[in-house]
N, C-alpha and C. Protein backbone atom coordinates (compact mmCIF):
# COMPACT_ATOMS: atom_id res chain seq x y z
N MET A 1 0.84 -1.16 0.00
CA MET A 1 0.00 0.00 0.00
C MET A 1 0.89 1.24 0.00
N VAL A 2 0.51 2.26 -0.75
CA VAL A 2 1.26 3.51 -0.77
C VAL A 2 0.33 4.62 -0.32
N ASP A 3 0.76 5.39 0.67
CA ASP A 3 -0.05 6.46 1.23
C ASP A 3 0.73 7.75 1.15
N SER A 4 0.28 8.71 0.38
CA SER A 4 0.97 10.00 0.22
C SER A 4 2.42 9.81 -0.21
N GLY A 5 2.66 8.87 -1.11
CA GLY A 5 4.01 8.64 -1.59
C GLY A 5 4.86 7.78 -0.68
N GLN A 6 4.29 7.34 0.44
CA GLN A 6 5.02 6.50 1.37
C GLN A 6 4.45 5.09 1.35
N ALA A 7 5.33 4.10 1.36
CA ALA A 7 4.89 2.72 1.45
C ALA A 7 4.47 2.44 2.89
N VAL A 8 3.31 1.78 3.03
CA VAL A 8 2.77 1.46 4.36
C VAL A 8 2.30 0.02 4.33
N THR A 9 2.65 -0.74 5.37
CA THR A 9 2.20 -2.13 5.49
C THR A 9 2.23 -2.49 6.98
N THR A 10 2.17 -3.78 7.28
CA THR A 10 2.25 -4.24 8.66
C THR A 10 3.35 -5.28 8.80
N LEU A 11 3.79 -5.47 10.02
CA LEU A 11 4.77 -6.52 10.31
C LEU A 11 4.11 -7.88 10.13
N ASP A 12 4.83 -8.81 9.53
CA ASP A 12 4.35 -10.18 9.37
C ASP A 12 5.13 -11.06 10.34
N GLY A 13 4.79 -10.93 11.61
CA GLY A 13 5.49 -11.65 12.67
C GLY A 13 6.12 -10.68 13.64
N ALA A 14 6.31 -11.13 14.86
CA ALA A 14 6.97 -10.31 15.87
C ALA A 14 8.43 -10.10 15.50
N VAL A 15 9.00 -9.02 16.01
CA VAL A 15 10.40 -8.69 15.72
C VAL A 15 11.17 -8.62 17.03
N ASN A 16 12.32 -9.27 17.08
CA ASN A 16 13.21 -9.17 18.23
C ASN A 16 14.18 -8.02 18.00
N ALA A 17 14.59 -7.37 19.07
CA ALA A 17 15.54 -6.27 18.95
C ALA A 17 16.81 -6.76 18.28
N ALA A 18 17.38 -5.91 17.44
CA ALA A 18 18.66 -6.15 16.77
C ALA A 18 18.62 -7.29 15.75
N VAL A 19 17.42 -7.66 15.29
CA VAL A 19 17.30 -8.69 14.26
C VAL A 19 17.81 -8.14 12.93
N GLY A 20 18.29 -8.99 12.03
CA GLY A 20 18.83 -8.54 10.75
C GLY A 20 17.83 -8.51 9.61
N THR A 21 16.69 -9.22 9.79
CA THR A 21 15.65 -9.28 8.75
C THR A 21 14.29 -9.03 9.38
N VAL A 22 13.48 -8.21 8.71
CA VAL A 22 12.12 -7.91 9.17
C VAL A 22 11.16 -8.35 8.07
N SER A 23 10.19 -9.19 8.42
CA SER A 23 9.19 -9.66 7.47
C SER A 23 7.97 -8.75 7.50
N LEU A 24 7.53 -8.33 6.30
CA LEU A 24 6.37 -7.46 6.17
C LEU A 24 5.24 -8.20 5.46
N SER A 25 4.01 -7.76 5.66
CA SER A 25 2.87 -8.35 4.97
C SER A 25 2.97 -8.13 3.47
N ASP A 26 3.44 -6.93 3.06
CA ASP A 26 3.59 -6.60 1.64
C ASP A 26 4.68 -5.54 1.50
N ALA A 27 5.84 -5.93 1.02
CA ALA A 27 6.96 -4.99 0.88
C ALA A 27 7.08 -4.46 -0.55
N SER A 28 6.10 -4.71 -1.40
CA SER A 28 6.22 -4.34 -2.81
C SER A 28 6.42 -2.84 -3.03
N GLY A 29 5.87 -2.00 -2.18
CA GLY A 29 6.03 -0.56 -2.35
C GLY A 29 7.26 0.03 -1.69
N PHE A 30 8.01 -0.80 -0.95
CA PHE A 30 9.18 -0.32 -0.23
C PHE A 30 10.41 -0.29 -1.14
N SER A 31 11.27 0.67 -0.89
CA SER A 31 12.53 0.79 -1.63
C SER A 31 13.46 -0.37 -1.31
N THR A 32 14.48 -0.55 -2.13
CA THR A 32 15.48 -1.59 -1.90
C THR A 32 16.25 -1.34 -0.61
N SER A 33 16.46 -0.10 -0.27
CA SER A 33 17.09 0.27 1.01
C SER A 33 16.44 1.56 1.48
N GLY A 34 16.48 1.79 2.78
CA GLY A 34 15.86 3.01 3.27
C GLY A 34 15.68 3.04 4.77
N THR A 35 14.72 3.87 5.18
CA THR A 35 14.41 4.10 6.59
C THR A 35 12.90 3.99 6.76
N ALA A 36 12.47 3.42 7.88
CA ALA A 36 11.04 3.28 8.15
C ALA A 36 10.77 3.47 9.64
N THR A 37 9.49 3.68 9.95
CA THR A 37 9.04 3.84 11.33
C THR A 37 7.99 2.79 11.63
N VAL A 38 8.08 2.20 12.83
CA VAL A 38 7.07 1.25 13.30
C VAL A 38 6.13 2.02 14.23
N SER A 39 4.83 1.92 13.98
CA SER A 39 3.84 2.64 14.78
C SER A 39 3.01 1.68 15.61
N GLY A 40 2.77 2.07 16.85
CA GLY A 40 1.97 1.28 17.77
C GLY A 40 2.85 0.43 18.68
N GLY A 41 2.22 -0.19 19.65
CA GLY A 41 2.95 -1.05 20.57
C GLY A 41 3.82 -0.29 21.55
N THR A 42 4.61 -1.04 22.29
CA THR A 42 5.44 -0.46 23.35
C THR A 42 6.52 0.48 22.83
N ASN A 43 7.06 0.19 21.68
CA ASN A 43 8.15 1.02 21.11
C ASN A 43 7.64 1.86 19.94
N ASP A 44 6.47 2.47 20.12
CA ASP A 44 5.85 3.31 19.09
C ASP A 44 6.81 4.39 18.61
N GLY A 45 6.91 4.55 17.29
CA GLY A 45 7.78 5.58 16.73
C GLY A 45 9.21 5.13 16.49
N ASP A 46 9.47 3.84 16.66
CA ASP A 46 10.82 3.30 16.45
C ASP A 46 11.22 3.45 14.99
N VAL A 47 12.39 4.04 14.74
CA VAL A 47 12.90 4.24 13.39
C VAL A 47 14.06 3.27 13.16
N PHE A 48 14.03 2.59 12.02
CA PHE A 48 15.10 1.65 11.68
C PHE A 48 15.49 1.81 10.22
N THR A 49 16.62 1.23 9.85
CA THR A 49 17.09 1.28 8.46
C THR A 49 17.29 -0.14 7.94
N TRP A 50 17.31 -0.28 6.60
CA TRP A 50 17.62 -1.56 5.98
C TRP A 50 18.42 -1.31 4.71
N THR A 51 19.14 -2.33 4.27
CA THR A 51 20.03 -2.18 3.11
C THR A 51 19.66 -3.06 1.94
N GLY A 52 18.65 -3.94 2.09
CA GLY A 52 18.24 -4.81 1.00
C GLY A 52 16.81 -5.27 1.17
N LYS A 53 16.26 -5.86 0.11
CA LYS A 53 14.88 -6.35 0.14
C LYS A 53 14.80 -7.64 -0.66
N SER A 54 14.10 -8.64 -0.11
CA SER A 54 13.88 -9.90 -0.79
C SER A 54 12.41 -10.27 -0.61
N THR A 55 11.63 -10.16 -1.67
CA THR A 55 10.18 -10.37 -1.65
C THR A 55 9.55 -9.49 -0.56
N ASN A 56 9.09 -10.07 0.54
CA ASN A 56 8.47 -9.28 1.61
C ASN A 56 9.36 -9.12 2.84
N ASP A 57 10.64 -9.38 2.68
CA ASP A 57 11.60 -9.23 3.79
C ASP A 57 12.52 -8.03 3.54
N LEU A 58 12.68 -7.20 4.57
CA LEU A 58 13.70 -6.16 4.55
C LEU A 58 14.93 -6.77 5.20
N THR A 59 16.09 -6.67 4.55
CA THR A 59 17.31 -7.29 5.04
C THR A 59 18.35 -6.24 5.40
N GLY A 60 19.35 -6.65 6.15
CA GLY A 60 20.38 -5.71 6.58
C GLY A 60 19.81 -4.67 7.53
N VAL A 61 18.81 -5.08 8.31
CA VAL A 61 18.12 -4.17 9.23
C VAL A 61 19.01 -3.80 10.41
N SER A 62 19.02 -2.52 10.76
CA SER A 62 19.77 -2.09 11.94
C SER A 62 18.95 -1.08 12.74
N ASN A 63 19.27 -1.00 14.00
CA ASN A 63 18.65 -0.05 14.95
C ASN A 63 17.18 -0.30 15.21
N ILE A 64 16.72 -1.54 15.11
CA ILE A 64 15.31 -1.82 15.38
C ILE A 64 15.15 -2.38 16.79
N LEU A 65 14.03 -2.02 17.42
CA LEU A 65 13.68 -2.51 18.74
C LEU A 65 12.70 -3.67 18.58
N ALA A 66 12.30 -4.29 19.68
CA ALA A 66 11.34 -5.40 19.64
C ALA A 66 9.93 -4.87 19.36
N HIS A 67 9.18 -5.62 18.53
CA HIS A 67 7.82 -5.22 18.17
C HIS A 67 6.92 -6.44 18.06
N ASP A 68 5.63 -6.24 18.34
CA ASP A 68 4.62 -7.29 18.19
C ASP A 68 4.21 -7.42 16.72
N ASN A 69 3.63 -8.54 16.38
CA ASN A 69 3.11 -8.81 15.04
C ASN A 69 2.03 -7.78 14.67
N SER A 70 1.92 -7.49 13.38
CA SER A 70 0.84 -6.69 12.79
C SER A 70 0.90 -5.19 13.06
N LEU A 71 1.98 -4.67 13.62
CA LEU A 71 2.10 -3.23 13.80
C LEU A 71 2.37 -2.56 12.45
N THR A 72 2.00 -1.30 12.32
CA THR A 72 2.16 -0.57 11.07
C THR A 72 3.60 -0.15 10.84
N VAL A 73 4.08 -0.34 9.61
CA VAL A 73 5.43 0.08 9.20
C VAL A 73 5.28 1.05 8.03
N THR A 74 5.87 2.24 8.16
CA THR A 74 5.78 3.27 7.13
C THR A 74 7.18 3.69 6.69
N GLU A 75 7.44 3.58 5.39
CA GLU A 75 8.74 4.00 4.87
C GLU A 75 8.84 5.52 4.92
N THR A 76 10.02 6.00 5.31
CA THR A 76 10.30 7.43 5.31
C THR A 76 10.81 7.82 3.93
N ILE A 77 10.09 8.71 3.28
CA ILE A 77 10.49 9.17 1.96
C ILE A 77 11.11 10.55 2.09
N THR A 78 12.34 10.69 1.62
CA THR A 78 13.01 11.99 1.63
C THR A 78 12.75 12.65 0.29
N PRO A 79 12.10 13.83 0.31
CA PRO A 79 11.83 14.48 -0.98
C PRO A 79 13.12 14.89 -1.68
N PRO A 80 13.13 14.81 -3.01
CA PRO A 80 14.34 15.21 -3.74
C PRO A 80 14.54 16.73 -3.66
N ARG A 81 15.78 17.13 -3.77
CA ARG A 81 16.08 18.56 -3.82
C ARG A 81 15.87 19.03 -5.25
N ILE A 82 15.16 20.11 -5.38
CA ILE A 82 14.85 20.66 -6.71
C ILE A 82 15.62 21.95 -6.90
N THR A 83 16.21 22.10 -8.05
CA THR A 83 16.97 23.32 -8.32
C THR A 83 16.37 24.11 -9.46
N THR A 84 16.56 25.40 -9.39
CA THR A 84 16.23 26.28 -10.50
C THR A 84 17.45 27.17 -10.70
N GLY A 85 18.18 26.92 -11.74
CA GLY A 85 19.42 27.68 -11.95
C GLY A 85 20.40 27.36 -10.85
N ASP A 86 20.90 28.40 -10.18
CA ASP A 86 21.89 28.22 -9.12
C ASP A 86 21.27 28.18 -7.74
N ASP A 87 19.96 28.31 -7.64
CA ASP A 87 19.30 28.39 -6.35
C ASP A 87 18.63 27.05 -5.99
N TRP A 88 18.82 26.63 -4.75
CA TRP A 88 18.13 25.44 -4.25
C TRP A 88 16.80 25.87 -3.68
N LEU A 89 15.77 25.11 -3.95
CA LEU A 89 14.46 25.40 -3.38
C LEU A 89 14.30 24.67 -2.08
């Protein structure tokens, strides 16, 4: 699912802190690498990064805390910098 240009899905299974792979219900809209936030549960607002993707698994995950199954995961999209001539917008 994509919401306002951001990929949004849920965790497909509980996550242990410092795990290297996170399984999602649907990772099709997620980038190959990036940053995401887990919403809900005890560690609401937890931000983590990943360096690869295989089907519905984010791999090379770092800085993630423990989470329960089915919590919402939203990819953080950094808008591109747009230029006009020599000026940055």
